[in-house]
Protein backbone atom coordinates (compact mmCIF):
# COMPACT_ATOMS: atom_id res chain seq x y z
CA MET A 1 0.92 2.46 -15.34
CA LYS A 2 0.32 5.79 -13.79
CA LYS A 3 0.93 6.39 -10.03
CA ILE A 4 -1.72 7.07 -7.61
CA LYS A 5 -2.73 10.63 -7.65
CA ASN A 6 -3.68 12.83 -4.75
CA ASN A 7 -7.35 12.58 -5.69
CA GLU A 8 -10.22 13.43 -3.41
CA ILE A 9 -10.84 9.77 -3.06
CA ILE A 10 -7.97 7.39 -3.29
CA LEU A 11 -9.48 4.20 -2.02
CA SER A 12 -12.79 2.68 -2.81
CA VAL A 13 -13.75 -0.46 -0.53
CA LEU A 14 -16.47 -2.69 -2.15
CA ILE A 15 -18.60 -5.12 0.00
CA PRO A 16 -20.89 -7.31 -1.50
CA THR A 17 -23.28 -8.87 1.00
CA TYR A 18 -26.55 -10.83 1.32
CA ASN A 19 -28.30 -11.61 4.69
CA ARG A 20 -25.32 -11.27 6.67
CA LYS A 21 -26.20 -8.16 8.84
CA LYS A 22 -24.38 -9.47 11.86
CA ASP A 23 -21.00 -10.05 10.07
CA LEU A 24 -21.49 -6.79 8.04
CA LYS A 25 -21.56 -4.75 11.09
CA LEU A 26 -18.28 -6.26 12.24
CA VAL A 27 -16.50 -5.67 9.04
CA VAL A 28 -18.01 -2.01 8.79
CA LYS A 29 -16.71 -1.39 12.48
CA SER A 30 -13.45 -2.72 11.37
CA LEU A 31 -13.20 -0.33 8.62
CA LEU A 32 -14.25 2.72 10.72
CA GLU A 33 -11.43 1.91 13.05
CA GLN A 34 -8.80 2.11 10.39
CA ASP A 35 -6.32 4.85 10.52
CA PHE A 36 -6.78 5.93 7.04
CA ASN A 37 -7.61 9.31 6.18
CA LYS A 38 -11.52 9.10 5.74
CA LYS A 39 -11.52 12.03 3.40
CA LYS A 40 -9.79 9.89 0.92
CA LEU A 41 -11.97 6.79 1.39
CA GLU A 42 -15.24 5.57 0.20
CA ILE A 43 -17.05 2.32 1.42
CA ILE A 44 -19.59 1.07 -0.86
CA VAL A 45 -22.04 -1.99 0.23
CA ILE A 46 -23.40 -3.78 -2.57
CA ASP A 47 -26.65 -5.86 -1.33
CA ASN A 48 -27.11 -8.56 -4.02
CA GLY A 49 -30.31 -9.95 -3.13
CA PRO A 50 -31.36 -7.75 -1.87
CA SER A 51 -31.25 -8.93 1.85
CA ASN A 52 -34.28 -9.45 4.17
CA ASP A 53 -32.60 -9.47 7.45
CA GLY A 54 -32.71 -5.73 8.25
CA THR A 55 -29.51 -5.11 6.46
CA ASP A 56 -31.21 -2.01 4.58
CA LEU A 57 -32.34 -0.44 7.93
CA TYR A 58 -28.87 -0.76 9.25
CA MET A 59 -27.16 0.75 6.28
CA LYS A 60 -29.42 3.59 5.94
CA GLN A 61 -28.45 4.45 9.59
CA ILE A 62 -24.69 4.10 8.52
CA GLU A 63 -25.22 6.11 5.42
CA ALA A 64 -26.86 9.15 7.30
CA LYS A 65 -24.00 8.97 9.84
CA TYR A 66 -20.87 8.57 7.78
CA PRO A 67 -20.97 10.63 4.19
CA TYR A 68 -18.23 8.30 2.75
CA ILE A 69 -20.45 5.20 2.99
CA LYS A 70 -22.69 4.35 0.20
CA TYR A 71 -25.37 1.69 -0.08
CA ILE A 72 -26.59 -0.01 -3.24
CA LYS A 73 -29.43 -2.58 -3.55
CA THR A 74 -29.63 -4.95 -6.57
CA ASN A 75 -31.53 -7.85 -7.63
CA LYS A 76 -28.93 -9.17 -9.47
CA LYS A 77 -27.60 -12.40 -7.68
CA GLY A 78 -23.77 -13.31 -7.03
CA CYS A 79 -20.89 -11.38 -5.85
CA ILE A 80 -19.29 -11.22 -9.22
CA LEU A 81 -22.17 -8.91 -10.42
CA ALA A 82 -22.22 -7.09 -7.07
CA GLN A 83 -18.42 -6.28 -7.44
CA ASN A 84 -18.73 -5.17 -10.98
CA ILE A 85 -21.78 -2.83 -9.87
CA GLY A 86 -19.37 -1.47 -7.16
CA LEU A 87 -16.79 -0.90 -9.63
CA ASN A 88 -19.04 1.30 -11.81
CA ALA A 89 -19.97 3.28 -8.78
CA ALA A 90 -16.44 3.70 -7.41
CA LYS A 91 -14.46 6.90 -7.50
CA GLY A 92 -11.00 5.96 -6.06
CA ASP A 93 -7.96 4.95 -8.06
CA ILE A 94 -7.60 1.64 -5.90
CA ILE A 95 -10.43 -0.76 -5.78
CA LEU A 96 -10.37 -2.96 -2.40
CA ASN A 97 -12.82 -5.93 -2.66
CA ILE A 98 -13.60 -7.56 0.66
CA ASP A 99 -15.88 -10.18 1.82
CA ASP A 100 -18.54 -9.28 4.40
CA ASP A 101 -17.29 -11.73 6.93
CA ILE A 102 -13.75 -10.67 7.26
CA GLU A 103 -12.26 -8.21 9.81
CA PHE A 104 -8.95 -6.38 9.81
CA ILE A 105 -6.68 -7.40 12.61
CA ASN A 106 -4.37 -4.28 12.22
CA LYS A 107 -5.84 -0.85 12.30
CA ASN A 108 -3.27 0.48 9.64
CA ALA A 109 -4.21 -2.22 6.98
CA LEU A 110 -5.72 0.35 4.41
CA SER A 111 -2.88 2.68 4.76
CA ILE A 112 -0.40 -0.24 4.16
CA ILE A 113 -2.36 -1.26 0.99
CA VAL A 114 -2.39 2.25 -0.41
CA SER A 115 1.28 2.78 0.37
CA ASP A 116 2.12 -0.70 -1.60
CA PHE A 117 0.60 0.80 -4.71
CA GLN A 118 3.10 3.75 -4.76
CA ASN A 119 5.23 0.94 -6.73
CA ASN A 120 4.20 1.38 -10.27
CA ASN A 121 4.95 -2.22 -10.89
CA ILE A 122 2.13 -3.88 -8.79
CA ALA A 123 -1.15 -4.69 -10.17
CA ILE A 124 -2.83 -6.42 -7.43
CA VAL A 125 -2.36 -6.59 -3.60
CA GLY A 126 -3.99 -9.26 -1.28
CA GLY A 127 -4.12 -9.34 2.54
CA LEU A 128 -3.18 -12.33 4.70
CA GLU A 129 -6.22 -14.44 5.31
CA LEU A 130 -6.09 -15.96 8.78
CA SER A 131 -8.73 -18.20 10.45
CA PHE A 132 -8.61 -16.31 13.81
CA PHE A 133 -7.34 -13.23 15.63
CA LYS A 134 -4.64 -14.47 17.67
CA LYS A 135 -2.55 -16.40 15.28
CA LYS A 136 0.79 -17.52 16.46
CA HIS A 137 3.63 -16.39 13.99
CA HIS A 138 5.14 -19.20 12.00
CA LYS A 139 8.86 -19.67 11.63
CA ASN A 140 9.21 -21.40 8.20
CA SER A 141 12.18 -21.76 6.16
CA ASN A 142 12.06 -20.00 2.92
CA SER A 143 11.48 -23.40 1.03
CA GLU A 144 8.19 -23.75 2.61
CA PHE A 145 7.06 -20.78 0.94
CA LEU A 146 7.98 -21.75 -2.72
CA ASN A 147 4.51 -22.96 -3.78
CA ILE A 148 2.33 -20.80 -1.96
CA GLY A 149 -0.32 -19.06 -4.30
CA ASN A 150 0.92 -21.18 -7.39
CA VAL A 151 -1.30 -23.04 -9.86
CA SER A 152 0.14 -26.23 -11.52
CA LYS A 153 -0.64 -27.64 -14.79
CA TRP A 154 -2.39 -30.48 -13.01
CA GLY A 155 -4.97 -28.21 -11.79
CA GLU A 156 -3.65 -27.89 -8.15
CA PHE A 157 -4.11 -24.75 -6.31
CA SER A 158 -1.73 -24.06 -3.44
CA SER A 159 -3.38 -21.86 -0.94
CA ASP A 160 -1.71 -22.35 2.51
CA PHE A 161 -1.10 -18.38 3.04
CA GLU A 162 -1.12 -18.70 6.82
CA LYS A 163 2.65 -19.83 6.42
CA LEU A 164 3.34 -16.25 5.76
CA ASP A 165 2.18 -15.02 8.97
CA GLY A 166 5.04 -13.36 10.83
CA GLN A 167 6.94 -12.47 7.28
CA THR A 168 6.99 -8.79 6.53
CA ASN A 169 8.06 -8.85 2.89
CA LEU A 170 5.75 -8.61 -0.18
CA PHE A 171 5.17 -12.04 -1.73
CA ASP A 172 4.67 -12.95 -5.25
CA VAL A 173 1.87 -15.37 -6.19
CA MET A 174 -0.16 -16.29 -9.09
CA GLN A 175 -3.50 -16.17 -7.27
CA PHE A 176 -5.48 -15.81 -3.96
CA ARG A 177 -9.01 -15.45 -3.06
CA SER A 178 -10.80 -11.97 -3.20
CA CYS A 179 -11.58 -11.62 0.47
CA CYS A 180 -9.35 -8.96 0.63
CA MET A 181 -7.97 -8.08 -3.03
CA ALA A 182 -6.99 -4.54 -3.96
CA ILE A 183 -6.32 -3.55 -7.64
CA ARG A 184 -5.89 -0.48 -9.57
CA LYS A 185 -9.09 0.85 -10.80
CA GLU A 186 -7.66 1.40 -14.34
CA ILE A 187 -6.54 -1.92 -14.73
CA LEU A 188 -10.00 -3.58 -13.51
CA ILE A 189 -11.76 -1.26 -15.86
CA GLU A 190 -9.41 -2.30 -18.80
CA LEU A 191 -10.05 -5.98 -17.94
CA GLY A 192 -14.00 -5.57 -18.07
CA GLY A 193 -14.09 -6.08 -14.30
CA PHE A 194 -14.56 -9.62 -12.96
CA ASN A 195 -15.58 -12.46 -15.47
CA THR A 196 -19.22 -12.89 -15.14
CA LEU A 197 -19.06 -16.15 -16.88
CA TYR A 198 -17.94 -17.61 -13.69
CA ASN A 199 -21.25 -16.61 -12.21
CA TYR A 200 -23.77 -19.50 -11.86
CA ASN A 201 -27.05 -18.87 -10.30
CA GLY A 202 -25.46 -16.34 -7.97
CA GLN A 203 -22.53 -18.37 -6.80
CA ALA A 204 -18.88 -18.26 -8.32
CA PHE A 205 -15.78 -20.00 -8.40
CA ARG A 206 -12.10 -19.51 -9.67
CA TYR A 207 -13.26 -16.06 -10.64
CA GLU A 208 -10.57 -14.43 -8.41
CA THR A 209 -7.91 -16.66 -10.08
CA ASP A 210 -9.06 -15.56 -13.59
CA LEU A 211 -8.69 -12.05 -12.55
CA CYS A 212 -5.20 -12.42 -11.12
CA PHE A 213 -4.11 -14.18 -14.35
CA ARG A 214 -5.58 -11.50 -16.67
CA ALA A 215 -4.07 -8.73 -14.49
CA SER A 216 -0.82 -10.45 -14.32
CA LYS A 217 0.34 -8.68 -17.63
CA TYR A 218 -0.01 -5.33 -16.12
CA GLY A 219 2.20 -5.85 -12.98
CA ARG A 220 2.83 -8.12 -10.02
CA ILE A 221 0.45 -10.05 -7.97
CA LEU A 222 1.24 -10.01 -4.36
CA ILE A 223 0.29 -10.72 -0.84
CA ASP A 224 1.32 -8.37 1.93
CA PRO A 225 1.67 -10.36 5.11
CA ASN A 226 1.40 -6.87 6.87
CA VAL A 227 -2.16 -6.54 6.01
CA ARG A 228 -3.59 -9.26 8.17
CA ILE A 229 -7.35 -10.17 8.07
CA TRP A 230 -9.79 -12.64 9.97
CA HIS A 231 -11.90 -14.76 7.58
CA LYS A 232 -14.67 -16.43 9.06
CA ALA A 233 -15.02 -18.43 6.04
CA SER A 234 -11.81 -20.21 6.82
CA GLU A 235 -13.22 -21.88 9.66
CA ARG A 236 -15.60 -23.63 7.42
CA GLY A 237 -13.73 -26.72 6.44
CA SER A 238 -11.86 -27.19 3.20
CA GLY A 239 -11.54 -29.64 0.20
CA VAL A 240 -14.38 -31.34 -1.50
CA GLU A 241 -16.21 -31.67 1.92
CA ARG A 242 -16.62 -28.02 2.23
CA GLY A 243 -19.18 -28.07 -0.55
CA LEU A 244 -20.42 -31.64 -0.73
CA ASN A 245 -23.70 -30.97 -2.30
CA LYS A 246 -24.89 -31.18 -6.02
CA LYS A 247 -24.98 -27.45 -6.56
CA ASN A 248 -21.43 -26.93 -5.33
CA ILE A 249 -20.06 -30.10 -7.10
CA TYR A 250 -21.32 -28.90 -10.38
CA LEU A 251 -20.33 -25.30 -9.98
CA ASN A 252 -16.78 -25.99 -8.86
CA ASN A 253 -16.23 -28.36 -11.54
CA ARG A 254 -17.74 -26.40 -14.45
CA ASN A 255 -15.67 -23.20 -13.34
CA HIS A 256 -12.54 -25.11 -12.80
CA MET A 257 -12.50 -26.83 -16.20
CA PHE A 258 -13.51 -23.69 -17.93
CA PHE A 259 -10.50 -21.94 -16.08
CA MET A 260 -7.81 -24.67 -16.85
CA LEU A 261 -8.78 -24.92 -20.59
CA THR A 262 -8.67 -21.19 -20.89
CA PHE A 263 -5.24 -20.76 -19.30
CA PHE A 264 -3.48 -24.20 -19.23
CA TRP A 265 -5.02 -26.96 -21.11
CA LYS A 266 -5.30 -25.39 -24.69
CA ASP A 267 -2.81 -27.74 -26.04
CA LYS A 268 -4.20 -31.36 -26.09
CA PRO A 269 -7.59 -30.60 -24.30
CA LEU A 270 -9.01 -33.84 -24.87
CA ILE A 271 -6.25 -35.62 -22.81
CA TRP A 272 -6.80 -33.10 -20.13
CA ILE A 273 -10.60 -33.34 -20.14
CA ILE A 274 -10.16 -37.03 -19.62
CA PHE A 275 -7.68 -36.77 -16.87
CA ASP A 276 -9.93 -34.24 -15.07
CA ILE A 277 -13.04 -36.27 -15.36
CA LEU A 278 -11.17 -39.45 -14.13
CA ILE A 279 -8.77 -37.95 -11.58
CA GLY A 280 -9.53 -34.42 -10.62
CA ASN A 281 -8.04 -32.68 -7.46
CA TYR A 282 -8.76 -31.45 -4.05
CA ARG A 283 -11.71 -29.22 -4.75
CA THR A 284 -12.74 -30.59 -8.05
CA PRO A 285 -12.61 -34.28 -7.83
CA GLY A 286 -13.12 -36.80 -10.67
CA PHE A 287 -14.27 -40.30 -10.35
CA PHE A 288 -11.13 -41.88 -8.61
CA TYR A 289 -10.78 -38.91 -6.19
CA LEU A 290 -14.57 -39.26 -5.06
CA LEU A 291 -14.45 -42.88 -4.71
CA ARG A 292 -11.10 -42.70 -2.81
CA ARG A 293 -12.88 -40.59 -0.28
CA LYS A 294 -15.65 -43.28 -0.16
CA ILE A 295 -18.09 -40.81 -1.61
CA PHE A 296 -20.44 -43.18 -3.71
CA ASP A 297 -23.49 -40.70 -4.12
CA VAL A 298 -24.61 -41.20 -7.84
CA THR A 299 -26.09 -37.73 -7.83
CA LEU A 300 -22.81 -36.22 -6.83
CA LEU A 301 -20.87 -38.34 -9.35
CA LEU A 302 -23.45 -37.10 -12.22
CA SER A 303 -23.24 -33.62 -10.97
CA MET A 304 -19.25 -33.75 -11.13
CA VAL A 305 -19.53 -35.05 -14.80
CA ARG A 306 -22.28 -32.52 -15.92
CA GLY A 307 -20.17 -29.62 -14.39
CA LYS A 308 -16.85 -30.77 -15.91
CA VAL A 309 -18.69 -31.31 -19.49
CA ASP A 310 -20.64 -27.89 -19.13
CA GLY A 311 -17.22 -26.24 -18.47
CA VAL A 312 -15.93 -27.63 -21.79
CA LYS A 313 -18.88 -26.22 -23.59
CA LEU A 314 -18.30 -22.90 -21.94
CA PHE A 315 -14.95 -22.68 -22.95
CA ARG A 316 -15.69 -23.61 -26.60
CA SER A 317 -18.40 -21.21 -26.78
CA ASN A 318 -16.33 -18.26 -25.47
CA LYS A 319 -13.03 -18.90 -27.51
């Protein structure tokens, strides 16, 4: 893997957005306040709607004021498609994908990320996702960190990253969300960008984990606890209740089944498919999991089954 060169642009920050002008203003402000050399930076906002809340007028003003900021409008729906559009337009050696509802807590976050990539064995670096600014540092034993960012063969995803707050060393993981995910551009291009099979009517699930798994053959997947971000989505609840509607239940189960069959369940797939339909897990529940939570809505149960079945079909058609 080649080391980062002193190109004109080192870091390309990609921000997919849709009708979140208020949040977008805050993340742009957060980026402008970074101590990173702006001559080595470009910020690309991809409006994948496009928005109708005045985002375009705001971005035109920002583009005129800051030459390193670019605004792209597209009718293609979904953050995956937006991120890949941004990748095609990016000039930097490092691609930093961030959500439009985050803010960097420390002003040297971008500098830290670029510094991390001086290590030639690193493929992806993520920031530490926190649910509010003034997070107290945890004092946990090392044993509590063992499963953070892991994925089990049962389809369980460990994402209790806030336990790393207060740590300083880079932390190896199997996966994390793309709300602050940096990757070498050459790797992302080699992989063909984010996998668009995870896009469904403009929504996505498990696509970040898919990228982490595919990129792991090129180098380490890391969380840097020194890059601290506030993510508003962290305040919206968790588990199956976070998306308790037919569309989300379908999407989550479809994409989870496709991911698990791709990376974990190739051996004895029928047994795993039955297990997932009957049991499931935290974000992608099966029958027993839903009933245990006293969720008896027939339409949700049917959406769950349909999602899992379509995930199997998606896997078989893309072997």
